[in-house]
Every structure is written in structure tokens, then in C-alpha cells.
Amino acid sequence: MENIKKENEIQIELSDEIAQGIYSNLAIISHSSSEFVIDFIRIVPGVPKAKVKSRIILTPEHAKRLLMALKDNIDKFEQQNGTIRIQNDPGFLPPLGGIGQA
């Protein structure tokens, strides 16, 4: 049984560059019949233009797994730190039409 477990393990390598991460304060989500696309953007107040910092493309199944993992982690975070409040400040976010947003 232990040999089977070792055969199914995946070693994940995290380079120093990727480990630094990318800061994002806006995610724009769109989808087709075969994939979900999540664009991570950094918006700076007072700057009228923002660039996509990272794009992740997922299958619908993996998008749903991500949703469940995020929900689980948010639930655990809120149990330890209290409810996350969402500010509705319309002056900060750009108008978004025709695409999903998070």
C-alpha cells in the first residue's frame, strides 16, 4: 500500500520568482463551454489604466474545485479571524460590463 502512495505523489517545485507572488486587487472571470479564464489585475487608485498581471486558464472541473477550496479556506480564515467584510466602494472599481467579476 505504501508503494502505491509513493507512486501517486506529485512533487511540486516552487521557483524563487514564483514564490514572490503577484499582488492583485481585482479578478475578472470569463468562461466558454470548455474553460474558465481568470485575469488577475492590480488597480492603483488615481491611475486610469491597469494591466493584467496574471492569467489562469482552468477546465470547468478545476474551476469548481478551486471554488470549493477557496470556500473551505475562507470559512477557516473567518473562524479564526472573524467575518471578512466586503466594502462597496463604487469609486474604486472600474465599470465592468458583459463579463463575470469577483
Foldseek 3Di string as FASTA:
>chain_A
DVVVVVVPDDDDDDDPVPVVPDDADWWWWADDQFKIKIFGWHFDPPDPDIDGPDIDIGGPVVVVVVVVVVVVVQVVCCVVPNDDDDDDDVNRDDDDPDTHID
